[in-house]
Amino acid sequence: MHLQVAHMSNNATIGTARENVYRKDGKVLVSKISADRNGLKDRILEAVDSIGGFAKAIEKGDRILLKPNFNTGDAPPGSNDPDIVKAVIELLYEHGADSVLVGESSMMSASTRKIFEETGMLSGLREAGADVKFFEEGEWTKVTTGGKFLKTVSLPKTALEPRKLVHVCCMKTHRWAKFTMSLKLSVGFMKPNERMRLHMTHIEEKVADLNLVVHPSLIIMDGRKCFINGGPACGELREPNLILASGDRIAIDVEAIKMIQSYAGNNLEDEPWSYKQIKRAVELGLGAQNERAYAVISK
């Protein structure tokens, strides 16, 4: 896989651009683990172990930035279940992380701090020993992405310190971007007023361009519940009861699209690789290039 790295004015990225370590026999890996059994934390660990384990991405002493999905405070999958975020934090510490920072910025009309308080996420972070940064309360740095559709973006200064990035995302459709999973999770790093402009034109391509300056080492997707239409805050609910893990944003999103498409009445009717978000990400070399480039491990 060729990974394109943007040329930025100040070399600022969120996370470190590097080859995906979760691969076997030349293919990137995506795990799909049944969450029917008790023990959410055990199921997350099983999902990551199935692709190679936390130790492939997390080293002793690492400072980790964890990006969840709390654009609103709506019930999962409108936003993250605080329990899965807490469990991932605990696992990161157990596998050698020195510190875990959880950073987020909710929709422009909302207070991220208030959403974290009302959902119980803030108390969960304290129990797990993580720090938290509400991006809209801090300073921003404008960087050049190297993209065609989104040329510059303002990113939170607190997210730009050298640290590894872990995504914890939901599985759901989106009224404007078709779907919001791993690739679109990065929009939460954008300055809120710039996010408003993102939605005006070419939103799907802009999402992919944004990922030139956001580089997760590990992605964990909560697929216990999903929206098959509507979204991002509310929609028609189904329950796949799965936990997915990968180091590849494109592959995990494609696999989640397929899961949504398995339900009657879904509004993702096109072939997964044909969606503009995926096509642009492939063009930029952000992950798997086609169906043959990844393998699924199901348990």
C-alpha atoms as a PDB file:
ATOM      1  CA  MET A   1       0.000   0.000   0.000  1.00  0.00           C
ATOM      2  CA  HIS A   2       1.284   3.419  -0.917  1.00  0.00           C
ATOM      3  CA  LEU A   3       0.558   6.035   1.750  1.00  0.00           C
ATOM      4  CA  GLN A   4       0.448   9.586   0.482  1.00  0.00           C
ATOM      5  CA  VAL A   5       1.561  12.161   3.016  1.00  0.00           C
ATOM      6  CA  ALA A   6       0.573  15.778   2.536  1.00  0.00           C
ATOM      7  CA  HIS A   7       3.201  18.517   2.340  1.00  0.00           C
ATOM      8  CA  MET A   8       2.193  20.874   5.114  1.00  0.00           C
ATOM      9  CA  SER A   9       3.341  24.352   5.957  1.00  0.00           C
ATOM     10  CA  ASN A  10       4.403  23.348   9.463  1.00  0.00           C
ATOM     11  CA  ASN A  11       4.660  19.547   9.135  1.00  0.00           C
ATOM     12  CA  ALA A  12       1.687  19.218  11.487  1.00  0.00           C
ATOM     13  CA  THR A  13      -0.354  16.051  11.477  1.00  0.00           C
ATOM     14  CA  ILE A  14      -2.593  14.308  13.966  1.00  0.00           C
ATOM     15  CA  GLY A  15      -1.015  10.912  14.471  1.00  0.00           C
ATOM     16  CA  THR A  16       1.987   9.579  12.583  1.00  0.00           C
ATOM     17  CA  ALA A  17       1.710   8.611   8.918  1.00  0.00           C
ATOM     18  CA  ARG A  18       3.137   5.116   8.543  1.00  0.00           C
ATOM     19  CA  GLU A  19       2.441   1.781   6.906  1.00  0.00           C
ATOM     20  CA  ASN A  20      -0.444  -0.172   8.394  1.00  0.00           C
ATOM     21  CA  VAL A  21       1.038  -2.811  10.720  1.00  0.00           C
ATOM     22  CA  TYR A  22      -2.128  -4.908  10.739  1.00  0.00           C
ATOM     23  CA  ARG A  23      -1.613  -7.094   7.678  1.00  0.00           C
ATOM     24  CA  LYS A  24      -0.951 -10.695   6.727  1.00  0.00           C
ATOM     25  CA  ASP A  25       0.155 -12.292   3.471  1.00  0.00           C
ATOM     26  CA  GLY A  26       0.166  -8.915   1.768  1.00  0.00           C
ATOM     27  CA  LYS A  27      -3.388  -8.037   2.810  1.00  0.00           C
ATOM     28  CA  VAL A  28      -4.602  -5.567   5.412  1.00  0.00           C
ATOM     29  CA  LEU A  29      -6.844  -7.094   8.072  1.00  0.00           C
ATOM     30  CA  VAL A  30     -10.315  -6.280   9.375  1.00  0.00           C
ATOM     31  CA  SER A  31     -11.818  -8.254  12.252  1.00  0.00           C
ATOM     32  CA  LYS A  32     -15.531  -8.717  12.898  1.00  0.00           C
ATOM     33  CA  ILE A  33     -16.157 -10.158  16.346  1.00  0.00           C
ATOM     34  CA  SER A  34     -19.554 -11.136  17.712  1.00  0.00           C
ATOM     35  CA  ALA A  35     -20.493  -9.150  20.800  1.00  0.00           C
ATOM     36  CA  ASP A  36     -23.199 -11.627  21.814  1.00  0.00           C
ATOM     37  CA  ARG A  37     -21.056 -12.967  24.628  1.00  0.00           C
ATOM     38  CA  ASN A  38     -20.703 -11.060  27.882  1.00  0.00           C
ATOM     39  CA  GLY A  39     -17.734  -8.802  28.501  1.00  0.00           C
ATOM     40  CA  LEU A  40     -17.410  -5.773  26.209  1.00  0.00           C
ATOM     41  CA  LYS A  41     -13.765  -5.258  27.106  1.00  0.00           C
ATOM     42  CA  ASP A  42     -12.976  -8.899  26.298  1.00  0.00           C
ATOM     43  CA  ARG A  43     -14.687  -8.588  22.916  1.00  0.00           C
ATOM     44  CA  ILE A  44     -12.673  -5.461  22.056  1.00  0.00           C
ATOM     45  CA  LEU A  45      -9.479  -7.254  23.044  1.00  0.00           C
ATOM     46  CA  GLU A  46     -10.486 -10.244  20.907  1.00  0.00           C
ATOM     47  CA  ALA A  47     -11.153  -7.965  17.926  1.00  0.00           C
ATOM     48  CA  VAL A  48      -7.703  -6.363  18.180  1.00  0.00           C
ATOM     49  CA  ASP A  49      -5.944  -9.652  18.974  1.00  0.00           C
ATOM     50  CA  SER A  50      -7.511 -11.146  15.838  1.00  0.00           C
ATOM     51  CA  ILE A  51      -5.608  -8.694  13.631  1.00  0.00           C
ATOM     52  CA  GLY A  52      -2.329  -8.862  15.553  1.00  0.00           C
ATOM     53  CA  GLY A  53      -2.871  -7.282  18.961  1.00  0.00           C
ATOM     54  CA  PHE A  54      -2.409  -3.894  20.599  1.00  0.00           C
ATOM     55  CA  ALA A  55       1.350  -4.449  20.841  1.00  0.00           C
ATOM     56  CA  LYS A  56       1.724  -4.031  17.072  1.00  0.00           C
ATOM     57  CA  ALA A  57       0.613  -0.392  17.324  1.00  0.00           C
ATOM     58  CA  ILE A  58       1.129   0.555  20.970  1.00  0.00           C
ATOM     59  CA  GLU A  59       4.566   0.610  22.577  1.00  0.00           C
ATOM     60  CA  LYS A  60       5.511   1.070  26.197  1.00  0.00           C
ATOM     61  CA  GLY A  61       5.559   4.757  27.071  1.00  0.00           C
ATOM     62  CA  ASP A  62       3.356   5.885  24.160  1.00  0.00           C
ATOM     63  CA  ARG A  63       1.239   8.987  24.523  1.00  0.00           C
ATOM     64  CA  ILE A  64      -2.078   8.167  22.878  1.00  0.00           C
ATOM     65  CA  LEU A  65      -4.723  10.486  21.480  1.00  0.00           C
ATOM     66  CA  LEU A  66      -8.108   8.747  21.368  1.00  0.00           C
ATOM     67  CA  LYS A  67     -10.786  10.257  19.104  1.00  0.00           C
ATOM     68  CA  PRO A  68     -14.371   9.167  19.885  1.00  0.00           C
ATOM     69  CA  ASN A  69     -17.652  10.158  18.206  1.00  0.00           C
ATOM     70  CA  PHE A  70     -19.619  12.688  20.236  1.00  0.00           C
ATOM     71  CA  ASN A  71     -20.858  15.101  17.589  1.00  0.00           C
ATOM     72  CA  THR A  72     -24.055  15.102  19.666  1.00  0.00           C
ATOM     73  CA  GLY A  73     -25.172  13.461  22.895  1.00  0.00           C
ATOM     74  CA  ASP A  74     -27.661  11.152  21.178  1.00  0.00           C
ATOM     75  CA  ALA A  75     -27.885   7.500  22.171  1.00  0.00           C
ATOM     76  CA  PRO A  76     -25.611   5.026  20.336  1.00  0.00           C
ATOM     77  CA  PRO A  77     -24.930   4.877  17.466  1.00  0.00           C
ATOM     78  CA  GLY A  78     -25.798   8.593  17.318  1.00  0.00           C
ATOM     79  CA  SER A  79     -22.741   8.970  19.513  1.00  0.00           C
ATOM     80  CA  ASN A  80     -20.380   6.530  21.216  1.00  0.00           C
ATOM     81  CA  ASP A  81     -21.384   4.349  24.116  1.00  0.00           C
ATOM     82  CA  PRO A  82     -19.148   5.712  26.923  1.00  0.00           C
ATOM     83  CA  ASP A  83     -18.505   2.132  28.050  1.00  0.00           C
ATOM     84  CA  ILE A  84     -16.636   1.235  24.851  1.00  0.00           C
ATOM     85  CA  VAL A  85     -14.457   4.354  25.060  1.00  0.00           C
ATOM     86  CA  LYS A  86     -13.655   3.604  28.693  1.00  0.00           C
ATOM     87  CA  ALA A  87     -12.831  -0.028  27.889  1.00  0.00           C
ATOM     88  CA  VAL A  88     -10.453   0.976  25.056  1.00  0.00           C
ATOM     89  CA  ILE A  89      -8.672   3.425  27.362  1.00  0.00           C
ATOM     90  CA  GLU A  90      -8.180   0.688  29.965  1.00  0.00           C
ATOM     91  CA  LEU A  91      -6.792  -1.663  27.309  1.00  0.00           C
ATOM     92  CA  LEU A  92      -4.382   0.997  26.030  1.00  0.00           C
ATOM     93  CA  TYR A  93      -2.970   1.458  29.527  1.00  0.00           C
ATOM     94  CA  GLU A  94      -2.756  -2.308  30.022  1.00  0.00           C
ATOM     95  CA  HIS A  95      -0.707  -2.556  26.825  1.00  0.00           C
ATOM     96  CA  GLY A  96       1.882   0.032  27.804  1.00  0.00           C
ATOM     97  CA  ALA A  97       0.487   3.491  27.085  1.00  0.00           C
ATOM     98  CA  ASP A  98       1.999   6.160  29.319  1.00  0.00           C
ATOM     99  CA  SER A  99      -0.940   8.540  28.894  1.00  0.00           C
ATOM    100  CA  VAL A 100      -4.245   8.673  27.050  1.00  0.00           C
ATOM    101  CA  LEU A 101      -5.793  11.955  25.951  1.00  0.00           C
ATOM    102  CA  VAL A 102      -9.392  11.906  24.719  1.00  0.00           C
ATOM    103  CA  GLY A 103     -10.119  14.839  22.416  1.00  0.00           C
ATOM    104  CA  GLU A 104     -13.349  15.879  20.752  1.00  0.00           C
ATOM    105  CA  SER A 105     -15.325  18.816  19.390  1.00  0.00           C
ATOM    106  CA  SER A 106     -19.060  18.396  18.988  1.00  0.00           C
ATOM    107  CA  MET A 107     -21.313  20.116  16.464  1.00  0.00           C
ATOM    108  CA  MET A 108     -21.051  23.903  16.315  1.00  0.00           C
ATOM    109  CA  SER A 109     -24.246  24.608  18.285  1.00  0.00           C
ATOM    110  CA  ALA A 110     -23.300  22.220  21.107  1.00  0.00           C
ATOM    111  CA  SER A 111     -20.905  22.229  24.042  1.00  0.00           C
ATOM    112  CA  THR A 112     -18.628  19.189  24.000  1.00  0.00           C
ATOM    113  CA  ARG A 113     -18.022  19.593  27.734  1.00  0.00           C
ATOM    114  CA  LYS A 114     -21.772  19.521  28.429  1.00  0.00           C
ATOM    115  CA  ILE A 115     -22.288  16.477  26.161  1.00  0.00           C
ATOM    116  CA  PHE A 116     -19.502  14.601  27.965  1.00  0.00           C
ATOM    117  CA  GLU A 117     -21.076  15.445  31.310  1.00  0.00           C
ATOM    118  CA  GLU A 118     -24.623  14.503  30.295  1.00  0.00           C
ATOM    119  CA  THR A 119     -23.664  11.198  28.643  1.00  0.00           C
ATOM    120  CA  GLY A 120     -21.468  10.117  31.550  1.00  0.00           C
ATOM    121  CA  MET A 121     -18.385  10.159  29.335  1.00  0.00           C
ATOM    122  CA  LEU A 122     -16.567  12.667  31.537  1.00  0.00           C
ATOM    123  CA  SER A 123     -16.908  10.564  34.682  1.00  0.00           C
ATOM    124  CA  GLY A 124     -15.916   7.476  32.676  1.00  0.00           C
ATOM    125  CA  LEU A 125     -12.726   9.183  31.509  1.00  0.00           C
ATOM    126  CA  ARG A 126     -11.793  10.085  35.063  1.00  0.00           C
ATOM    127  CA  GLU A 127     -12.369   6.513  36.213  1.00  0.00           C
ATOM    128  CA  ALA A 128     -10.175   5.198  33.401  1.00  0.00           C
ATOM    129  CA  GLY A 129      -7.378   7.686  34.120  1.00  0.00           C
ATOM    130  CA  ALA A 130      -7.565   9.603  30.835  1.00  0.00           C
ATOM    131  CA  ASP A 131      -7.139  13.315  30.281  1.00  0.00           C
ATOM    132  CA  VAL A 132      -9.679  15.181  28.132  1.00  0.00           C
ATOM    133  CA  LYS A 133      -9.478  18.154  25.799  1.00  0.00           C
ATOM    134  CA  PHE A 134     -12.499  19.960  24.423  1.00  0.00           C
ATOM    135  CA  PHE A 135     -11.043  21.255  21.189  1.00  0.00           C
ATOM    136  CA  GLU A 136     -13.324  24.269  20.797  1.00  0.00           C
ATOM    137  CA  GLU A 137     -12.023  25.616  24.121  1.00  0.00           C
ATOM    138  CA  GLY A 138      -8.426  25.702  22.869  1.00  0.00           C
ATOM    139  CA  GLU A 139      -6.311  27.179  20.089  1.00  0.00           C
ATOM    140  CA  TRP A 140      -6.148  26.142  16.443  1.00  0.00           C
ATOM    141  CA  THR A 141      -3.384  25.782  13.873  1.00  0.00           C
ATOM    142  CA  LYS A 142      -4.055  26.128  10.148  1.00  0.00           C
ATOM    143  CA  VAL A 143      -2.290  23.549   7.999  1.00  0.00           C
ATOM    144  CA  THR A 144      -2.153  22.760   4.292  1.00  0.00           C
ATOM    145  CA  THR A 145      -3.536  19.310   3.525  1.00  0.00           C
ATOM    146  CA  GLY A 146      -2.143  18.795   0.043  1.00  0.00           C
ATOM    147  CA  GLY A 147      -5.668  17.894  -1.063  1.00  0.00           C
ATOM    148  CA  LYS A 148      -7.674  19.115  -4.036  1.00  0.00           C
ATOM    149  CA  PHE A 149     -11.097  19.621  -2.450  1.00  0.00           C
ATOM    150  CA  LEU A 150      -9.980  20.642   1.054  1.00  0.00           C
ATOM    151  CA  LYS A 151      -6.744  22.577   0.724  1.00  0.00           C
ATOM    152  CA  THR A 152      -6.368  23.978   4.239  1.00  0.00           C
ATOM    153  CA  VAL A 153      -7.842  23.102   7.611  1.00  0.00           C
ATOM    154  CA  SER A 154      -7.559  24.393  11.167  1.00  0.00           C
ATOM    155  CA  LEU A 155      -6.655  21.624  13.618  1.00  0.00           C
ATOM    156  CA  PRO A 156      -6.532  21.728  17.440  1.00  0.00           C
ATOM    157  CA  LYS A 157      -3.088  22.562  18.785  1.00  0.00           C
ATOM    158  CA  THR A 158      -3.590  20.076  21.610  1.00  0.00           C
ATOM    159  CA  ALA A 159      -4.016  17.264  19.053  1.00  0.00           C
ATOM    160  CA  LEU A 160      -0.837  18.071  17.130  1.00  0.00           C
ATOM    161  CA  GLU A 161       1.718  16.995  19.718  1.00  0.00           C
ATOM    162  CA  PRO A 162       3.589  13.843  18.689  1.00  0.00           C
ATOM    163  CA  ARG A 163       1.386  10.952  19.811  1.00  0.00           C
ATOM    164  CA  LYS A 164      -0.297   7.912  18.334  1.00  0.00           C
ATOM    165  CA  LEU A 165      -3.927   8.181  17.324  1.00  0.00           C
ATOM    166  CA  VAL A 166      -6.667   5.626  18.028  1.00  0.00           C
ATOM    167  CA  HIS A 167     -10.128   5.986  16.500  1.00  0.00           C
ATOM    168  CA  VAL A 168     -13.237   4.719  18.293  1.00  0.00           C
ATOM    169  CA  CYS A 169     -16.096   5.161  15.838  1.00  0.00           C
ATOM    170  CA  CYS A 170     -19.714   4.196  15.231  1.00  0.00           C
ATOM    171  CA  MET A 171     -21.398   2.408  12.328  1.00  0.00           C
ATOM    172  CA  LYS A 172     -24.076   4.562  10.698  1.00  0.00           C
ATOM    173  CA  THR A 173     -25.431   6.301   7.666  1.00  0.00           C
ATOM    174  CA  HIS A 174     -25.266  10.076   7.198  1.00  0.00           C
ATOM    175  CA  ARG A 175     -27.834  12.293   5.496  1.00  0.00           C
ATOM    176  CA  TRP A 176     -25.238  14.276   3.538  1.00  0.00           C
ATOM    177  CA  ALA A 177     -22.023  12.217   3.457  1.00  0.00           C
ATOM    178  CA  LYS A 178     -23.848   8.876   2.871  1.00  0.00           C
ATOM    179  CA  PHE A 179     -22.074   7.272   5.861  1.00  0.00           C
ATOM    180  CA  THR A 180     -19.968   8.334   8.832  1.00  0.00           C
ATOM    181  CA  MET A 181     -17.501   5.827  10.207  1.00  0.00           C
ATOM    182  CA  SER A 182     -13.692   5.848  10.364  1.00  0.00           C
ATOM    183  CA  LEU A 183     -12.859   8.299   7.569  1.00  0.00           C
ATOM    184  CA  LYS A 184     -15.463  10.852   8.599  1.00  0.00           C
ATOM    185  CA  LEU A 185     -14.580  10.615  12.286  1.00  0.00           C
ATOM    186  CA  SER A 186     -11.694  12.962  11.462  1.00  0.00           C
ATOM    187  CA  VAL A 187     -14.148  15.826  10.871  1.00  0.00           C
ATOM    188  CA  GLY A 188     -14.339  16.198  14.652  1.00  0.00           C
ATOM    189  CA  PHE A 189     -10.800  17.587  14.525  1.00  0.00           C
ATOM    190  CA  MET A 190     -11.870  20.535  12.366  1.00  0.00           C
ATOM    191  CA  LYS A 191     -12.590  24.004  13.663  1.00  0.00           C
ATOM    192  CA  PRO A 192     -16.407  24.117  13.997  1.00  0.00           C
ATOM    193  CA  ASN A 193     -17.052  27.027  11.607  1.00  0.00           C
ATOM    194  CA  GLU A 194     -14.918  25.314   8.957  1.00  0.00           C
ATOM    195  CA  ARG A 195     -17.024  22.188   9.411  1.00  0.00           C
ATOM    196  CA  MET A 196     -20.078  24.165   8.352  1.00  0.00           C
ATOM    197  CA  ARG A 197     -18.408  25.014   5.019  1.00  0.00           C
ATOM    198  CA  LEU A 198     -17.313  21.408   4.605  1.00  0.00           C
ATOM    199  CA  HIS A 199     -20.955  20.391   4.241  1.00  0.00           C
ATOM    200  CA  MET A 200     -21.744  22.889   1.452  1.00  0.00           C
ATOM    201  CA  THR A 201     -20.082  21.153  -1.513  1.00  0.00           C
ATOM    202  CA  HIS A 202     -18.032  17.996  -2.189  1.00  0.00           C
ATOM    203  CA  ILE A 203     -18.405  16.844   1.418  1.00  0.00           C
ATOM    204  CA  GLU A 204     -17.390  13.263   0.641  1.00  0.00           C
ATOM    205  CA  GLU A 205     -14.220  14.222  -1.209  1.00  0.00           C
ATOM    206  CA  LYS A 206     -13.317  16.781   1.464  1.00  0.00           C
ATOM    207  CA  VAL A 207     -13.602  14.108   4.146  1.00  0.00           C
ATOM    208  CA  ALA A 208     -11.020  12.036   2.280  1.00  0.00           C
ATOM    209  CA  ASP A 209      -8.713  15.035   1.787  1.00  0.00           C
ATOM    210  CA  LEU A 210      -8.892  15.759   5.521  1.00  0.00           C
ATOM    211  CA  ASN A 211      -7.519  12.291   6.183  1.00  0.00           C
ATOM    212  CA  LEU A 212      -4.221  13.348   4.597  1.00  0.00           C
ATOM    213  CA  VAL A 213      -3.424  15.087   7.895  1.00  0.00           C
ATOM    214  CA  VAL A 214      -5.070  12.616  10.288  1.00  0.00           C
ATOM    215  CA  HIS A 215      -3.409   9.207  10.689  1.00  0.00           C
ATOM    216  CA  PRO A 216      -4.853   6.626  13.123  1.00  0.00           C
ATOM    217  CA  SER A 217      -2.667   3.668  14.065  1.00  0.00           C
ATOM    218  CA  LEU A 218      -5.689   1.620  15.153  1.00  0.00           C
ATOM    219  CA  ILE A 219      -9.429   1.820  14.504  1.00  0.00           C
ATOM    220  CA  ILE A 220     -12.062   0.201  16.702  1.00  0.00           C
ATOM    221  CA  MET A 221     -15.647   0.378  15.453  1.00  0.00           C
ATOM    222  CA  ASP A 222     -18.686  -0.250  17.627  1.00  0.00           C
ATOM    223  CA  GLY A 223     -21.029  -2.199  15.366  1.00  0.00           C
ATOM    224  CA  ARG A 224     -23.322  -3.471  18.085  1.00  0.00           C
ATOM    225  CA  LYS A 225     -25.888  -1.006  16.772  1.00  0.00           C
ATOM    226  CA  CYS A 226     -26.068   0.849  13.451  1.00  0.00           C
ATOM    227  CA  PHE A 227     -28.271   3.224  11.486  1.00  0.00           C
ATOM    228  CA  ILE A 228     -29.311   1.881   8.091  1.00  0.00           C
ATOM    229  CA  ASN A 229     -30.742   5.246   7.025  1.00  0.00           C
ATOM    230  CA  GLY A 230     -30.897   8.744   8.442  1.00  0.00           C
ATOM    231  CA  GLY A 231     -28.039   9.756  10.687  1.00  0.00           C
ATOM    232  CA  PRO A 232     -25.798  11.007  12.024  1.00  0.00           C
ATOM    233  CA  ALA A 233     -27.751  11.801  15.219  1.00  0.00           C
ATOM    234  CA  CYS A 234     -30.779   9.560  14.709  1.00  0.00           C
ATOM    235  CA  GLY A 235     -32.000   7.040  12.179  1.00  0.00           C
ATOM    236  CA  GLU A 236     -33.499   3.608  11.602  1.00  0.00           C
ATOM    237  CA  LEU A 237     -31.790   1.257  14.024  1.00  0.00           C
ATOM    238  CA  ARG A 238     -30.489  -2.266  13.554  1.00  0.00           C
ATOM    239  CA  GLU A 239     -28.247  -4.387  15.801  1.00  0.00           C
ATOM    240  CA  PRO A 240     -25.412  -6.263  14.038  1.00  0.00           C
ATOM    241  CA  ASN A 241     -23.873  -6.917  17.477  1.00  0.00           C
ATOM    242  CA  LEU A 242     -20.295  -6.707  16.203  1.00  0.00           C
ATOM    243  CA  ILE A 243     -16.996  -5.128  17.203  1.00  0.00           C
ATOM    244  CA  LEU A 244     -14.667  -4.362  14.276  1.00  0.00           C
ATOM    245  CA  ALA A 245     -10.962  -3.527  14.358  1.00  0.00           C
ATOM    246  CA  SER A 246      -8.390  -2.610  11.708  1.00  0.00           C
ATOM    247  CA  GLY A 247      -5.473  -0.372  10.914  1.00  0.00           C
ATOM    248  CA  ASP A 248      -7.051   0.561   7.580  1.00  0.00           C
ATOM    249  CA  ARG A 249      -9.707   3.278   7.330  1.00  0.00           C
ATOM    250  CA  ILE A 250     -10.899   2.309   3.875  1.00  0.00           C
ATOM    251  CA  ALA A 251     -11.186  -1.419   4.501  1.00  0.00           C
ATOM    252  CA  ILE A 252     -13.073  -1.079   7.780  1.00  0.00           C
ATOM    253  CA  ASP A 253     -15.485   1.460   6.272  1.00  0.00           C
ATOM    254  CA  VAL A 254     -16.134  -0.741   3.235  1.00  0.00           C
ATOM    255  CA  GLU A 255     -16.814  -3.726   5.471  1.00  0.00           C
ATOM    256  CA  ALA A 256     -19.214  -1.649   7.602  1.00  0.00           C
ATOM    257  CA  ILE A 257     -21.030  -0.438   4.476  1.00  0.00           C
ATOM    258  CA  LYS A 258     -21.556  -4.076   3.510  1.00  0.00           C
ATOM    259  CA  MET A 259     -22.998  -4.799   6.944  1.00  0.00           C
ATOM    260  CA  ILE A 260     -25.487  -1.931   6.638  1.00  0.00           C
ATOM    261  CA  GLN A 261     -26.373  -3.090   3.129  1.00  0.00           C
ATOM    262  CA  SER A 262     -27.307  -6.516   4.485  1.00  0.00           C
ATOM    263  CA  TYR A 263     -30.441  -5.015   6.061  1.00  0.00           C
ATOM    264  CA  ALA A 264     -33.589  -4.448   4.028  1.00  0.00           C
ATOM    265  CA  GLY A 265     -34.577  -0.794   3.778  1.00  0.00           C
ATOM    266  CA  ASN A 266     -31.051   0.594   3.946  1.00  0.00           C
ATOM    267  CA  ASN A 267     -30.207   3.655   1.862  1.00  0.00           C
ATOM    268  CA  LEU A 268     -26.680   2.584   0.843  1.00  0.00           C
ATOM    269  CA  GLU A 269     -27.694   1.017  -2.443  1.00  0.00           C
ATOM    270  CA  ASP A 270     -24.479   1.526  -4.426  1.00  0.00           C
ATOM    271  CA  GLU A 271     -21.438  -0.716  -4.633  1.00  0.00           C
ATOM    272  CA  PRO A 272     -19.261   0.162  -1.573  1.00  0.00           C
ATOM    273  CA  TRP A 273     -16.163   1.116  -3.568  1.00  0.00           C
ATOM    274  CA  SER A 274     -18.187   3.500  -5.742  1.00  0.00           C
ATOM    275  CA  TYR A 275     -18.961   6.002  -2.979  1.00  0.00           C
ATOM    276  CA  LYS A 276     -17.072   9.264  -3.375  1.00  0.00           C
ATOM    277  CA  GLN A 277     -15.673   9.123   0.158  1.00  0.00           C
ATOM    278  CA  ILE A 278     -14.105   5.731  -0.605  1.00  0.00           C
ATOM    279  CA  LYS A 279     -13.070   6.513  -4.205  1.00  0.00           C
ATOM    280  CA  ARG A 280     -11.245   9.677  -3.167  1.00  0.00           C
ATOM    281  CA  ALA A 281      -9.544   7.927  -0.227  1.00  0.00           C
ATOM    282  CA  VAL A 282      -8.354   5.190  -2.617  1.00  0.00           C
ATOM    283  CA  GLU A 283      -7.087   7.832  -5.059  1.00  0.00           C
ATOM    284  CA  LEU A 284      -5.090   9.413  -2.229  1.00  0.00           C
ATOM    285  CA  GLY A 285      -3.559   6.095  -1.209  1.00  0.00           C
ATOM    286  CA  LEU A 286      -5.035   6.185   2.288  1.00  0.00           C
ATOM    287  CA  GLY A 287      -5.573   2.439   2.555  1.00  0.00           C
ATOM    288  CA  ALA A 288      -6.849  -0.642   0.752  1.00  0.00           C
ATOM    289  CA  GLN A 289      -7.136  -0.054  -2.979  1.00  0.00           C
ATOM    290  CA  ASN A 290      -9.721  -2.703  -3.785  1.00  0.00           C
ATOM    291  CA  GLU A 291     -11.582  -5.764  -2.542  1.00  0.00           C
ATOM    292  CA  ARG A 292      -8.557  -8.033  -3.008  1.00  0.00           C
ATOM    293  CA  ALA A 293      -6.368  -5.851  -0.795  1.00  0.00           C
ATOM    294  CA  TYR A 294      -7.943  -6.827   2.521  1.00  0.00           C
ATOM    295  CA  ALA A 295      -9.015  -9.929   4.396  1.00  0.00           C
ATOM    296  CA  VAL A 296     -11.769 -10.304   7.007  1.00  0.00           C
ATOM    297  CA  ILE A 297     -11.370 -12.304  10.186  1.00  0.00           C
ATOM    298  CA  SER A 298     -14.780 -13.215  11.617  1.00  0.00           C
ATOM    299  CA  LYS A 299     -15.441 -14.874  14.975  1.00  0.00           C
END
